[in-house]
Every structure is written in structure tokens, then in C-alpha cells.
Amino acid sequence: MTRQRILITGAAGRLGRELRPRLARPGRTLRLLDIAEVGPPAPGEDAEIVRASFTDPEAIDAACRDVDAVLHLGGLAGEATWERIAETNVKGTLRVLEAVRRRRVPRVVLASSIHAVGFHTRGAMDYMVDGTLPADVPPRPDTYYGVGKAACEALGSLYHSRFGIDVTCLRIGAFRTLPLAPEDLAVWLSPGDAARLVEAGLRAAPAGFRVLWGISGNTRRWWSLKEAEAIGYHPEDDAERYAASIPGATAYDPADPRNHRVGGGFCTMPLG
């Protein structure tokens, strides 16, 4: 059996910690990179620990050596000044893609965000298809963070078109163990479904550039999962199972800006 090696940037982050055990399997080595403490390999876990920043060109170049795919989760996880977003999320992603190109890594899965398209609404009639918003709607970022994620998607498109790298961008929603707020009922992404979506991106064929919604199979979703299902994503979780325990869920109002806009509360938060 040929061993598969996957580099995960931002492996110490919330998403990285949840995906680490879910992506582990026989015949696969996870190379876990972060500036923060990742934690040593568990008994029987096939993991390589790299304490470094993905924004360091030499470190990321070395980390991409002999890998079959890169799962790029690293970066600032919320709003910040434009200078910080540009340096870490945009320039950092460029450095990752450059290392991927130099090391001839064939496949990348990029963690984008719903905030790259946060100002799209349920009333986006120019885009809605069968009552859902397609995954590849053009950017309408709601914050500097969202602008950074839109730029990362554009970089992914460039590196696919120029160099033939397979690139999957995941517009991740409310990723957490359980949905907590009424707005999560539409846009929640469970840890299990996050792993299923990443696995679909890691085996998608033929090589291409694709943008997918990173959400579970939520009853109240108004985002299309057809594009993700086309590459083998089959969500198993639904935020509706937890609605009874969420304060305010019974008064859920689709017209409320938090539920009417893709980006919810990010659309009104201060910039930077």
C-alpha cells in the first residue's frame, strides 16, 4: 500500500484539533504544522509534528516536501486589522501555494469562510436556484476577514489555472461541536461532517477548482449542497436535532438580518 502524507497547517486550532483524529487512518501520515503546541502523537497515531509558521517561506517549503495534499487551515480565525489579515491570511496563503507549486503537491483544500460572501441574502434572486444559494456565488465579503478569505479563493483559482493544482475551497459556516444560537440552525457544520467534507475534497476527481459550502445537512439551510455532493460529500448531521435546546429557536425569523444574510452578525460588526 502506498502511504499518503497530508500536511495540515493550523493543526493546533479548533478545526485542526477536531479533524486530527477524524482524518487519521491506516496508510496515512498526518504532518501537523502550527506555531502553537500541537501535542505529541497519540499511541498508534501516525503523525509528524512541525513547530513552525506557514508564513515562513523556508518552513512551509520544507513542510510541503513529499506530501500528497495540503489542508490549509492556518490563519487568523476572525476579524482583525487589514494589515494583520493581509500579512497572515492573504500573504500566508500565497506562501503556502507557492510551496505547493515548488514541491509539486497535486492537491490543496483551503479553509475559506461564509464571510467571503457574507452580504449575499435569501433574496439574492440573481443567484438562487431552487430556493438555495449555489456554492460558487461571487464574493460579497462582510469584513476584512471576509475580504481575506475571498482573496484566498482567488489565489486558489489562479494556482489551479496556472499550474493545474487541484484546489477545493470550503466556505465554512458555524463550526462547533453543537449549534448554540438560532442562526446556527441553518449554517452549522459539525466536526464529523467537516471531516467528511475534507475527505471528499481530498479525493475529488478530475483535478479542478471548486468552491463548496462548509455546512451540515441542516433542515433550515438555504445553501446548496449539490456541488459538494457531486464530489462525494454526504453529511450525516442536522442542527435541527438540537433546536429544542437552543434559546430563541422557536422564534426563528428568516427575515432577521442574522438569518437573512449569509454573514449574519458579521455584516454589522466594526471593521478591524
Protein backbone atom coordinates (compact mmCIF):
# COMPACT_ATOMS: atom_id res chain seq x y z
CA MET A 1 0.00 0.00 0.00
CA THR A 2 1.30 3.45 -0.93
CA ARG A 3 1.37 5.68 2.14
CA GLN A 4 -0.42 9.00 1.85
CA ARG A 5 1.03 12.05 3.61
CA ILE A 6 -1.16 15.10 4.28
CA LEU A 7 0.14 18.39 5.60
CA ILE A 8 -2.31 20.24 7.88
CA THR A 9 -1.49 23.87 8.63
CA GLY A 10 -3.10 25.42 11.70
CA ALA A 11 -3.25 21.96 13.25
CA ALA A 12 -3.46 23.34 16.80
CA GLY A 13 -6.56 25.40 16.03
CA ARG A 14 -10.13 24.46 16.88
CA LEU A 15 -10.84 22.96 13.47
CA GLY A 16 -7.45 21.27 13.28
CA ARG A 17 -7.86 19.63 16.68
CA GLU A 18 -11.26 18.20 15.74
CA LEU A 19 -10.13 16.96 12.34
CA ARG A 20 -6.89 15.36 13.50
CA PRO A 21 -8.40 12.15 14.91
CA ARG A 22 -11.12 12.05 12.25
CA LEU A 23 -8.67 12.18 9.35
CA ALA A 24 -6.30 9.58 10.81
CA ARG A 25 -6.45 6.17 9.16
CA PRO A 26 -4.20 3.24 8.19
CA GLY A 27 -1.86 4.11 5.37
CA ARG A 28 -1.98 7.85 6.05
CA THR A 29 0.54 10.12 7.77
CA LEU A 30 -0.62 13.49 9.07
CA ARG A 31 2.07 16.16 9.11
CA LEU A 32 0.79 18.67 11.67
CA LEU A 33 2.13 22.21 11.44
CA ASP A 34 1.46 25.13 13.79
CA ILE A 35 3.33 27.78 15.75
CA ALA A 36 1.33 26.69 18.80
CA GLU A 37 1.73 23.39 20.65
CA VAL A 38 0.07 20.64 18.65
CA GLY A 39 0.66 17.84 21.12
CA PRO A 40 2.72 14.68 20.59
CA PRO A 41 1.44 11.76 18.53
CA ALA A 42 -1.01 9.56 20.40
CA PRO A 43 -0.20 5.86 20.79
CA GLY A 44 -0.59 4.29 17.38
CA GLU A 45 -1.10 7.64 15.64
CA ASP A 46 0.97 8.18 12.50
CA ALA A 47 1.76 11.88 12.86
CA GLU A 48 4.71 14.18 12.22
CA ILE A 49 4.84 17.36 14.29
CA VAL A 50 6.24 20.56 12.77
CA ARG A 51 6.50 23.57 15.09
CA ALA A 52 6.63 26.42 12.58
CA SER A 53 4.60 29.13 10.89
CA PHE A 54 3.09 28.65 7.47
CA THR A 55 4.01 32.30 6.80
CA ASP A 56 7.73 31.37 6.93
CA PRO A 57 8.69 30.58 3.31
CA GLU A 58 11.52 28.20 4.22
CA ALA A 59 9.47 26.38 6.86
CA ILE A 60 6.44 25.86 4.65
CA ASP A 61 8.63 24.79 1.74
CA ALA A 62 10.22 22.12 3.92
CA ALA A 63 6.84 21.06 5.31
CA CYS A 64 5.48 20.51 1.78
CA ARG A 65 8.24 18.08 0.88
CA ASP A 66 6.92 14.61 -0.03
CA VAL A 67 3.26 15.34 0.74
CA ASP A 68 0.30 14.26 -1.35
CA ALA A 69 -2.06 17.03 -0.28
CA VAL A 70 -2.21 20.15 1.87
CA LEU A 71 -5.14 21.03 4.11
CA HIS A 72 -4.63 24.74 4.79
CA LEU A 73 -6.48 25.70 7.98
CA GLY A 74 -3.93 28.18 9.32
CA GLY A 75 -4.59 31.88 9.75
CA LEU A 76 -6.44 34.43 11.83
CA ALA A 77 -9.85 32.99 12.67
CA GLY A 78 -11.81 36.23 12.93
CA GLU A 79 -11.82 39.94 12.27
CA ALA A 80 -8.58 41.90 12.69
CA THR A 81 -6.89 44.93 11.20
CA TRP A 82 -6.41 44.88 7.46
CA GLU A 83 -2.64 44.81 7.92
CA ARG A 84 -2.83 41.63 10.00
CA ILE A 85 -5.35 39.98 7.66
CA ALA A 86 -3.25 40.82 4.60
CA GLU A 87 0.01 39.62 6.14
CA THR A 88 -1.22 36.40 7.73
CA ASN A 89 -4.26 35.20 5.80
CA VAL A 90 -3.52 36.51 2.30
CA LYS A 91 0.28 36.60 2.04
CA GLY A 92 0.49 33.49 4.20
CA THR A 93 -1.81 31.56 1.87
CA LEU A 94 0.24 32.75 -1.09
CA ARG A 95 3.35 31.32 0.57
CA VAL A 96 1.57 28.00 1.10
CA LEU A 97 0.51 27.84 -2.55
CA GLU A 98 4.00 28.78 -3.72
CA ALA A 99 5.46 25.95 -1.64
CA VAL A 100 2.82 23.61 -3.05
CA ARG A 101 3.84 24.63 -6.56
CA ARG A 102 7.56 24.26 -5.91
CA ARG A 103 7.16 20.87 -4.26
CA ARG A 104 4.69 19.69 -6.92
CA VAL A 105 1.96 18.88 -4.42
CA PRO A 106 -1.05 17.96 -6.57
CA ARG A 107 -3.92 18.89 -4.26
CA VAL A 108 -4.93 21.61 -1.79
CA VAL A 109 -8.02 22.05 0.38
CA LEU A 110 -8.34 25.67 1.55
CA ALA A 111 -10.40 26.77 4.53
CA SER A 112 -12.41 29.70 3.26
CA SER A 113 -15.47 31.08 5.06
CA ILE A 114 -19.08 32.11 4.58
CA HIS A 115 -17.80 35.60 5.39
CA ALA A 116 -16.24 35.81 1.92
CA VAL A 117 -19.83 36.11 0.71
CA GLY A 118 -21.46 37.46 3.86
CA PHE A 119 -23.66 40.13 2.25
CA HIS A 120 -25.50 37.71 -0.02
CA THR A 121 -29.08 37.25 1.18
CA ARG A 122 -32.04 34.94 0.88
CA GLY A 123 -33.40 37.44 -1.64
CA ALA A 124 -30.43 37.15 -4.00
CA MET A 125 -32.74 36.29 -6.87
CA ASP A 126 -29.99 36.60 -9.48
CA TYR A 127 -28.27 33.64 -7.87
CA MET A 128 -30.81 31.46 -6.06
CA VAL A 129 -31.52 28.11 -7.71
CA ASP A 130 -34.45 26.01 -6.48
CA GLY A 131 -34.57 28.08 -3.31
CA THR A 132 -30.90 27.61 -2.40
CA LEU A 133 -27.79 29.72 -2.86
CA PRO A 134 -25.18 28.00 -5.06
CA ALA A 135 -21.77 27.44 -3.54
CA ASP A 136 -19.88 29.45 -6.16
CA VAL A 137 -21.68 32.79 -5.83
CA PRO A 138 -19.23 35.68 -6.31
CA PRO A 139 -17.62 37.33 -3.27
CA ARG A 140 -19.55 39.84 -1.16
CA PRO A 141 -17.36 39.94 1.95
CA ASP A 142 -18.72 41.30 5.21
CA THR A 143 -15.42 42.15 6.99
CA TYR A 144 -11.69 42.45 6.36
CA TYR A 145 -11.62 38.80 7.42
CA GLY A 146 -14.10 38.02 4.64
CA VAL A 147 -12.04 40.01 2.12
CA GLY A 148 -9.02 37.95 3.10
CA LYS A 149 -10.90 34.71 2.53
CA ALA A 150 -12.16 35.93 -0.85
CA ALA A 151 -8.55 36.71 -1.77
CA CYS A 152 -7.51 33.20 -0.73
CA GLU A 153 -10.17 31.74 -3.03
CA ALA A 154 -8.86 33.91 -5.87
CA LEU A 155 -5.32 32.71 -5.23
CA GLY A 156 -6.55 29.12 -5.28
CA SER A 157 -8.21 29.76 -8.64
CA LEU A 158 -5.02 31.29 -10.01
CA TYR A 159 -2.84 28.37 -8.91
CA HIS A 160 -5.25 25.87 -10.41
CA SER A 161 -5.47 27.71 -13.73
CA ARG A 162 -1.74 28.38 -13.99
CA PHE A 163 -0.29 25.19 -12.57
CA GLY A 164 -3.05 22.57 -12.68
CA ILE A 165 -3.17 22.11 -8.90
CA ASP A 166 -6.47 20.66 -7.67
CA VAL A 167 -7.96 23.27 -5.32
CA THR A 168 -11.08 22.96 -3.18
CA CYS A 169 -12.21 26.00 -1.19
CA LEU A 170 -14.56 25.35 1.72
CA ARG A 171 -16.81 28.26 2.71
CA ILE A 172 -17.08 27.11 6.31
CA GLY A 173 -20.11 28.09 8.37
CA ALA A 174 -20.64 27.89 12.13
CA PHE A 175 -18.15 25.19 13.00
CA ARG A 176 -18.58 23.95 16.57
CA THR A 177 -19.38 20.76 18.44
CA LEU A 178 -23.06 21.69 18.79
CA PRO A 179 -25.17 24.53 17.37
CA LEU A 180 -25.56 27.24 20.02
CA ALA A 181 -27.61 30.08 18.51
CA PRO A 182 -30.75 30.28 16.34
CA GLU A 183 -28.70 31.38 13.33
CA ASP A 184 -26.62 28.19 13.67
CA LEU A 185 -29.69 26.15 12.72
CA ALA A 186 -29.05 26.97 9.06
CA VAL A 187 -25.27 27.25 8.86
CA TRP A 188 -23.86 24.80 11.42
CA LEU A 189 -21.01 22.48 10.42
CA SER A 190 -20.44 19.55 12.75
CA PRO A 191 -16.94 18.13 13.33
CA GLY A 192 -17.98 14.84 11.75
CA ASP A 193 -19.34 16.50 8.63
CA ALA A 194 -16.27 18.73 8.43
CA ALA A 195 -14.13 15.60 8.21
CA ARG A 196 -16.45 14.07 5.62
CA LEU A 197 -16.25 17.24 3.52
CA VAL A 198 -12.46 17.40 3.72
CA GLU A 199 -12.22 13.74 2.72
CA ALA A 200 -14.38 14.47 -0.33
CA GLY A 201 -12.03 17.29 -1.28
CA LEU A 202 -9.00 15.05 -0.84
CA ARG A 203 -10.28 12.52 -3.36
CA ALA A 204 -12.20 14.71 -5.82
CA ALA A 205 -11.55 13.99 -9.49
CA PRO A 206 -10.77 15.13 -12.09
CA ALA A 207 -8.47 17.94 -10.98
CA GLY A 208 -10.25 21.27 -10.88
CA PHE A 209 -11.05 24.40 -8.92
CA ARG A 210 -14.20 24.24 -6.83
CA VAL A 211 -15.90 26.29 -4.12
CA LEU A 212 -18.19 24.46 -1.68
CA TRP A 213 -20.34 25.42 1.27
CA GLY A 214 -18.95 24.02 4.50
CA ILE A 215 -22.19 23.21 6.30
CA SER A 216 -24.03 20.14 7.56
CA GLY A 217 -27.29 18.81 6.14
CA ASN A 218 -29.34 21.27 8.16
CA THR A 219 -33.11 21.30 7.70
CA ARG A 220 -33.18 25.11 7.71
CA ARG A 221 -30.24 25.64 5.37
CA TRP A 222 -30.70 27.79 2.29
CA TRP A 223 -27.29 26.99 0.84
CA SER A 224 -26.85 24.40 -1.89
CA LEU A 225 -25.05 21.17 -1.12
CA LYS A 226 -25.32 19.88 -4.69
CA GLU A 227 -21.79 20.95 -5.54
CA ALA A 228 -20.30 19.18 -2.51
CA GLU A 229 -22.47 16.11 -3.04
CA ALA A 230 -21.15 15.91 -6.61
CA ILE A 231 -17.68 15.08 -5.25
CA GLY A 232 -18.93 12.61 -2.66
CA TYR A 233 -19.86 14.67 0.40
CA HIS A 234 -22.74 13.10 2.29
CA PRO A 235 -23.50 14.99 5.52
CA GLU A 236 -24.88 12.98 8.41
CA ASP A 237 -25.68 15.73 10.91
CA ASP A 238 -28.51 18.26 11.18
CA ALA A 239 -28.67 21.22 13.57
CA GLU A 240 -32.42 20.68 13.85
CA ARG A 241 -31.80 17.78 16.24
CA TYR A 242 -30.65 20.35 18.80
CA ALA A 243 -33.21 23.08 18.16
CA ALA A 244 -35.20 22.35 21.31
CA SER A 245 -32.17 23.14 23.47
CA ILE A 246 -31.27 26.43 21.72
CA PRO A 247 -32.73 29.58 23.35
CA GLY A 248 -34.80 31.53 20.83
CA ALA A 249 -35.02 28.74 18.28
CA THR A 250 -38.81 28.61 18.40
CA ALA A 251 -38.91 32.31 17.46
CA TYR A 252 -36.58 31.82 14.50
CA ASP A 253 -37.29 34.59 11.97
CA PRO A 254 -35.88 34.13 8.45
CA ALA A 255 -36.21 37.88 7.88
CA ASP A 256 -33.96 38.75 10.83
CA PRO A 257 -30.65 40.08 9.41
CA ARG A 258 -28.79 37.39 11.37
CA ASN A 259 -30.73 34.76 9.41
CA HIS A 260 -31.36 36.69 6.18
CA ARG A 261 -27.72 37.42 5.35
CA VAL A 262 -25.10 34.73 4.85
CA GLY A 263 -22.71 36.54 7.18
CA GLY A 264 -25.24 37.17 9.96
CA GLY A 265 -23.87 39.45 12.67
CA PHE A 266 -20.53 39.91 10.89
CA CYS A 267 -22.32 42.28 8.49
CA THR A 268 -22.73 44.91 11.20
CA MET A 269 -19.65 44.38 13.38
CA PRO A 270 -16.90 47.06 13.41
CA LEU A 271 -14.17 46.61 10.81
CA GLY A 272 -10.73 45.74 12.10
